[in-house]
């Protein structure tokens, strides 16, 4: 019997259109693999989402990015409905999205991270957190939305003073010069290292990811062999300590002036962008797996991660109340 897959796209954050557009590639790949695909555009109407997921599909392919899609909220909803879903659990997803927490987890297994701290508007504008150059960015967003690199003789602080784009505090982080690297990890196994060369201002921002056709992807990255192997190792360490599942992508910066100590972990994305040309899946394609086979693998390994089971077990083990 043909399996039915609910492909969830949309959401209501800055990455809604990206999710919908990339979802078309996933839909085609899943149909090519022989699945019956039901595309569901997620909005704030939760009642509609429940109706769209009734009767229950065999699996849900979560293709929503940023808040709601990557932070554990949608994953928790799937757990409550007992629908197997792609990528990480509620807890792992929440950690992935919380950049300071993900960095602490990475450092706990020996993976270096840029120095950083959470700071409010007054501290940032007063430049009391750290010396330039540094980065100001949301601590819980995806796709490099609202990222500012504060260097000498720029006016970004004035822009932040006039239009603070963050909810409460932002993450202020040491700027690491050098190469932008990324590593895809599938089921705990790092795939390759890609260098990202951006032409939009020195880093892989939202425009470089989705709008600028000049962005270059070099795979395998042209870096020393020991750094290449270290990036693979670090990505696996981060993936495993957080407890990720399915496909994820780890982002790094490499400052070659620091030699073997120049590689720093920035963040982890789970799920990453999903087309055959997207950075994460392209590494699987490079290693011989078709995009359709990758999407099928993610469906076949989709699961609930135990929320309902743990609740049921707890209820079963609870002592019965004595009758009066």
Protein backbone atom coordinates (compact mmCIF):
# COMPACT_ATOMS: atom_id res chain seq x y z
CA UNK A 1 0.00 0.00 0.00
CA UNK A 2 1.33 3.43 -0.97
CA UNK A 3 2.33 5.55 2.01
CA UNK A 4 0.78 8.98 2.43
CA UNK A 5 3.15 11.79 3.40
CA UNK A 6 1.93 15.14 4.67
CA UNK A 7 4.36 17.79 3.42
CA UNK A 8 4.13 20.79 5.74
CA UNK A 9 5.18 24.14 4.28
CA UNK A 10 4.62 27.82 5.00
CA UNK A 11 4.37 29.07 8.56
CA UNK A 12 4.13 32.75 9.45
CA UNK A 13 7.70 33.98 9.80
CA UNK A 14 10.19 35.64 7.45
CA UNK A 15 11.00 32.32 5.79
CA UNK A 16 7.45 31.43 4.73
CA UNK A 17 7.99 31.91 0.99
CA UNK A 18 11.31 30.05 1.09
CA UNK A 19 9.54 27.11 2.72
CA UNK A 20 6.79 27.07 0.10
CA UNK A 21 9.19 27.33 -2.84
CA UNK A 22 11.57 24.65 -1.56
CA UNK A 23 8.61 22.48 -0.70
CA UNK A 24 7.81 22.13 -4.39
CA UNK A 25 11.14 20.35 -4.88
CA UNK A 26 10.45 18.01 -1.96
CA UNK A 27 6.96 17.29 -3.29
CA UNK A 28 8.35 16.32 -6.71
CA UNK A 29 11.06 14.15 -5.12
CA UNK A 30 8.59 12.30 -2.89
CA UNK A 31 6.21 11.67 -5.78
CA UNK A 32 9.14 10.37 -7.82
CA UNK A 33 9.87 7.97 -4.95
CA UNK A 34 6.31 6.66 -5.11
CA UNK A 35 4.62 8.36 -2.17
CA UNK A 36 1.16 9.88 -2.08
CA UNK A 37 1.90 13.48 -1.08
CA UNK A 38 -0.53 15.87 0.59
CA UNK A 39 0.84 19.42 0.72
CA UNK A 40 -0.38 21.36 3.76
CA UNK A 41 0.28 25.10 4.06
CA UNK A 42 0.56 25.85 7.77
CA UNK A 43 -0.99 29.06 9.12
CA UNK A 44 -1.98 30.24 12.59
CA UNK A 45 -5.27 28.35 12.21
CA UNK A 46 -4.37 25.29 14.29
CA UNK A 47 -7.87 23.86 13.93
CA UNK A 48 -7.38 23.79 10.17
CA UNK A 49 -4.03 22.02 10.63
CA UNK A 50 -5.70 19.32 12.72
CA UNK A 51 -8.36 18.88 10.03
CA UNK A 52 -5.71 18.77 7.28
CA UNK A 53 -3.89 16.02 9.19
CA UNK A 54 -7.07 13.95 9.57
CA UNK A 55 -7.03 11.10 8.73
CA UNK A 56 -3.46 10.77 9.93
CA UNK A 57 -0.77 10.41 7.26
CA UNK A 58 1.89 7.73 7.57
CA UNK A 59 4.50 10.44 8.12
CA UNK A 60 4.90 14.21 8.15
CA UNK A 61 7.74 15.85 6.23
CA UNK A 62 8.47 19.09 8.09
CA UNK A 63 9.68 21.67 5.58
CA UNK A 64 9.10 24.83 7.62
CA UNK A 65 12.08 26.97 8.59
CA UNK A 66 12.80 29.39 11.41
CA UNK A 67 10.46 29.76 14.35
CA UNK A 68 7.65 27.22 14.52
CA UNK A 69 9.37 24.89 12.07
CA UNK A 70 12.80 24.46 13.69
CA UNK A 71 12.29 25.38 17.34
CA UNK A 72 10.33 22.37 18.61
CA UNK A 73 6.81 23.84 18.36
CA UNK A 74 5.73 21.94 15.26
CA UNK A 75 7.58 18.86 16.46
CA UNK A 76 5.60 18.93 19.71
CA UNK A 77 2.37 19.19 17.74
CA UNK A 78 3.32 16.08 15.76
CA UNK A 79 4.08 14.25 19.01
CA UNK A 80 0.65 15.13 20.41
CA UNK A 81 -1.04 13.87 17.24
CA UNK A 82 1.22 10.78 17.24
CA UNK A 83 2.34 11.35 13.64
CA UNK A 84 5.93 10.28 12.80
CA UNK A 85 7.89 13.30 11.54
CA UNK A 86 11.21 14.05 9.87
CA UNK A 87 14.28 15.50 11.59
CA UNK A 88 14.88 16.13 15.27
CA UNK A 89 12.86 15.76 18.45
CA UNK A 90 11.19 18.56 20.39
CA UNK A 91 14.15 19.04 22.73
CA UNK A 92 16.88 18.77 20.08
CA UNK A 93 14.98 21.17 17.81
CA UNK A 94 14.65 23.72 20.62
CA UNK A 95 18.37 23.50 21.38
CA UNK A 96 19.28 23.79 17.69
CA UNK A 97 17.30 27.02 17.43
CA UNK A 98 18.66 28.53 20.65
CA UNK A 99 22.12 29.62 19.48
CA UNK A 100 23.64 30.27 22.95
CA UNK A 101 22.44 26.88 24.19
CA UNK A 102 23.70 25.09 21.06
CA UNK A 103 27.10 26.75 21.55
CA UNK A 104 27.26 25.60 25.17
CA UNK A 105 26.45 22.05 24.09
CA UNK A 106 29.14 22.23 21.40
CA UNK A 107 31.76 23.50 23.83
CA UNK A 108 30.89 20.65 26.23
CA UNK A 109 32.28 18.18 23.66
CA UNK A 110 35.37 20.21 22.81
CA UNK A 111 34.09 22.17 19.80
CA UNK A 112 35.35 25.80 19.84
CA UNK A 113 32.82 28.64 19.39
CA UNK A 114 33.22 32.41 19.04
CA UNK A 115 32.99 34.32 22.31
CA UNK A 116 29.55 35.81 22.77
CA UNK A 117 26.91 37.15 25.14
CA UNK A 118 23.24 38.10 25.17
CA UNK A 119 22.74 41.86 25.36
CA UNK A 120 19.93 44.39 25.20
CA UNK A 121 19.60 47.42 22.96
CA UNK A 122 21.24 49.88 25.37
CA UNK A 123 24.31 47.68 25.86
CA UNK A 124 24.70 47.06 22.13
CA UNK A 125 24.31 50.70 21.11
CA UNK A 126 26.74 51.76 23.86
CA UNK A 127 29.25 49.16 22.58
CA UNK A 128 29.82 47.88 26.10
CA UNK A 129 29.78 44.17 25.24
CA UNK A 130 33.01 43.65 23.25
CA UNK A 131 35.44 45.41 20.97
CA UNK A 132 34.96 45.56 17.20
CA UNK A 133 34.69 43.62 14.99
CA UNK A 134 31.72 41.65 16.25
CA UNK A 135 28.36 40.33 15.07
CA UNK A 136 24.88 41.19 16.35
CA UNK A 137 22.16 38.67 15.50
CA UNK A 138 19.00 37.04 16.85
CA UNK A 139 19.65 34.22 19.27
CA UNK A 140 16.71 32.17 17.97
CA UNK A 141 16.20 32.78 14.25
CA UNK A 142 17.26 31.02 11.05
CA UNK A 143 18.51 31.92 7.56
CA UNK A 144 20.77 34.72 8.83
CA UNK A 145 17.81 37.07 9.28
CA UNK A 146 18.75 40.44 10.85
CA UNK A 147 22.48 39.76 11.15
CA UNK A 148 24.76 42.80 11.49
CA UNK A 149 28.57 42.73 11.30
CA UNK A 150 29.91 45.71 13.26
CA UNK A 151 33.29 46.72 11.85
CA UNK A 152 35.33 49.91 12.02
CA UNK A 153 33.81 52.96 10.32
CA UNK A 154 30.37 51.51 9.56
CA UNK A 155 26.93 52.84 10.51
CA UNK A 156 25.20 49.64 11.57
CA UNK A 157 24.96 50.73 15.21
CA UNK A 158 23.05 53.85 14.18
CA UNK A 159 20.72 51.61 12.21
CA UNK A 160 20.20 49.37 15.25
CA UNK A 161 19.58 52.38 17.48
CA UNK A 162 16.88 53.67 15.16
CA UNK A 163 15.26 50.34 14.34
CA UNK A 164 16.00 47.57 16.85
CA UNK A 165 14.80 44.41 15.01
CA UNK A 166 15.12 41.96 17.90
CA UNK A 167 12.64 40.84 20.51
CA UNK A 168 14.41 41.71 23.74
CA UNK A 169 18.06 40.69 23.73
CA UNK A 170 20.33 39.85 20.80
CA UNK A 171 23.41 37.65 20.59
CA UNK A 172 26.64 39.68 20.37
CA UNK A 173 29.39 37.45 19.07
CA UNK A 174 33.07 37.74 18.18
CA UNK A 175 33.50 38.13 14.43
CA UNK A 176 35.64 35.38 12.92
CA UNK A 177 37.35 36.43 9.70
CA UNK A 178 38.07 33.93 6.96
CA UNK A 179 36.16 31.20 5.18
CA UNK A 180 32.51 30.22 5.64
CA UNK A 181 32.21 26.42 5.82
CA UNK A 182 29.28 24.06 6.24
CA UNK A 183 28.90 20.33 6.86
CA UNK A 184 25.79 18.20 6.35
CA UNK A 185 25.20 15.35 8.81
CA UNK A 186 22.79 12.49 8.07
CA UNK A 187 22.00 9.97 10.81
CA UNK A 188 25.13 11.00 12.70
CA UNK A 189 27.51 10.77 9.73
CA UNK A 190 29.17 13.92 8.38
CA UNK A 191 29.05 14.06 4.57
CA UNK A 192 31.45 16.69 3.21
CA UNK A 193 32.72 20.25 3.74
CA UNK A 194 31.49 23.03 1.47
CA UNK A 195 32.97 26.52 1.33
CA UNK A 196 30.43 29.29 0.77
CA UNK A 197 31.72 32.39 -1.01
CA UNK A 198 29.28 35.26 -0.65
CA UNK A 199 29.28 38.54 -2.58
CA UNK A 200 26.81 40.42 -0.38
CA UNK A 201 29.05 41.77 2.33
CA UNK A 202 31.34 39.11 3.70
CA UNK A 203 29.01 36.45 5.08
CA UNK A 204 26.21 34.10 4.05
CA UNK A 205 23.20 36.30 4.85
CA UNK A 206 19.55 35.91 3.79
CA UNK A 207 20.17 37.68 0.47
CA UNK A 208 23.16 35.46 -0.34
CA UNK A 209 21.18 32.32 0.51
CA UNK A 210 18.02 33.01 -1.45
CA UNK A 211 18.42 35.99 -3.78
CA UNK A 212 21.99 36.52 -4.96
CA UNK A 213 22.91 34.21 -7.86
CA UNK A 214 26.60 35.09 -7.47
CA UNK A 215 26.99 33.02 -4.29
CA UNK A 216 29.56 30.27 -4.93
CA UNK A 217 29.62 26.82 -3.35
CA UNK A 218 32.99 25.05 -3.44
CA UNK A 219 32.77 21.33 -2.64
CA UNK A 220 34.94 19.82 -1.38
CA UNK A 221 36.21 22.96 0.32
CA UNK A 222 39.76 23.98 -0.59
CA UNK A 223 41.18 23.87 2.93
CA UNK A 224 43.99 21.89 4.61
CA UNK A 225 43.19 18.21 5.06
CA UNK A 226 43.44 18.34 8.86
CA UNK A 227 40.96 21.23 9.00
CA UNK A 228 38.63 19.39 6.62
CA UNK A 229 38.68 16.31 8.86
CA UNK A 230 38.27 18.45 11.95
CA UNK A 231 35.14 20.11 10.47
CA UNK A 232 33.63 16.66 9.83
CA UNK A 233 34.48 15.56 13.36
CA UNK A 234 33.13 18.73 14.99
CA UNK A 235 29.86 18.49 13.04
CA UNK A 236 29.31 14.92 14.22
CA UNK A 237 30.10 15.87 17.82
CA UNK A 238 27.56 18.71 17.78
CA UNK A 239 24.89 16.62 16.07
CA UNK A 240 25.29 13.78 18.55
CA UNK A 241 25.56 15.78 21.79
CA UNK A 242 22.37 17.68 20.96
CA UNK A 243 20.64 14.45 19.98
CA UNK A 244 19.70 15.34 16.42
CA UNK A 245 17.88 13.00 14.06
CA UNK A 246 17.78 12.82 10.27
CA UNK A 247 19.45 15.54 8.22
CA UNK A 248 21.13 18.60 9.77
CA UNK A 249 23.71 21.15 8.68
CA UNK A 250 26.49 22.66 10.82
CA UNK A 251 27.98 26.05 9.95
CA UNK A 252 31.55 27.07 10.74
CA UNK A 253 34.04 29.90 10.20
CA UNK A 254 37.69 29.16 9.51
CA UNK A 255 40.37 31.78 10.10
CA UNK A 256 43.48 30.35 8.43
CA UNK A 257 45.71 32.89 10.18
CA UNK A 258 45.11 30.92 13.39
CA UNK A 259 46.20 27.63 11.83
CA UNK A 260 44.80 24.48 13.45
CA UNK A 261 42.99 26.60 16.06
CA UNK A 262 41.10 28.66 13.50
CA UNK A 263 37.91 26.58 13.12
CA UNK A 264 34.83 27.77 15.05
CA UNK A 265 31.28 26.40 15.21
CA UNK A 266 28.52 28.94 14.57
CA UNK A 267 25.17 27.13 14.52
CA UNK A 268 23.26 24.02 13.49
CA UNK A 269 20.24 23.90 11.20
CA UNK A 270 17.72 21.05 11.42
CA UNK A 271 16.04 20.88 8.98
CA UNK A 272 18.32 22.58 6.44
CA UNK A 273 17.16 23.92 3.08
CA UNK A 274 15.74 21.12 0.96
CA UNK A 275 16.41 21.12 -2.79
CA UNK A 276 18.96 19.03 -4.68
CA UNK A 277 21.07 22.21 -5.01
CA UNK A 278 20.73 23.30 -1.37
CA UNK A 279 23.97 23.06 0.59
CA UNK A 280 23.01 20.16 2.84
CA UNK A 281 21.34 17.84 0.30
CA UNK A 282 23.96 18.67 -2.35
CA UNK A 283 26.58 16.95 -0.18
CA UNK A 284 24.47 13.77 -0.15
CA UNK A 285 24.09 14.05 -3.94
CA UNK A 286 27.88 14.53 -4.18
CA UNK A 287 28.30 11.26 -2.25
CA UNK A 288 26.01 9.35 -4.60
CA UNK A 289 22.51 9.60 -3.10
CA UNK A 290 19.83 11.14 -5.30
CA UNK A 291 17.65 13.90 -3.87
CA UNK A 292 14.59 11.68 -4.28
CA UNK A 293 16.32 8.86 -2.36
CA UNK A 294 17.30 11.31 0.39
CA UNK A 295 13.70 12.53 0.80
CA UNK A 296 12.49 8.93 0.84
CA UNK A 297 15.09 8.02 3.47
CA UNK A 298 13.90 10.88 5.65
CA UNK A 299 10.31 9.63 5.38
CA UNK A 300 11.28 6.04 6.16
CA UNK A 301 13.25 7.13 9.25
CA UNK A 302 10.59 9.61 10.43
CA UNK A 303 9.37 8.93 13.93
CA UNK A 304 7.84 10.27 17.10
CA UNK A 305 10.52 10.62 19.74
CA UNK A 306 8.65 9.39 22.79
CA UNK A 307 6.66 12.27 24.24
CA UNK A 308 3.34 10.42 24.21
CA UNK A 309 4.93 7.09 25.18
CA UNK A 310 6.64 8.65 28.19
CA UNK A 311 3.40 10.26 29.30
CA UNK A 312 1.51 6.97 28.98
CA UNK A 313 4.23 5.06 30.84
CA UNK A 314 4.13 7.65 33.61
CA UNK A 315 0.36 7.32 33.91
CA UNK A 316 0.60 3.53 34.03
CA UNK A 317 3.20 3.58 36.79
CA UNK A 318 1.41 6.19 38.91
CA UNK A 319 -0.15 4.69 42.07
CA UNK A 320 -3.93 4.41 42.10
CA UNK A 321 -5.75 6.75 44.44
CA UNK A 322 -7.32 4.96 47.41
CA UNK A 323 -11.09 5.09 47.67
CA UNK A 324 -12.54 6.63 50.81
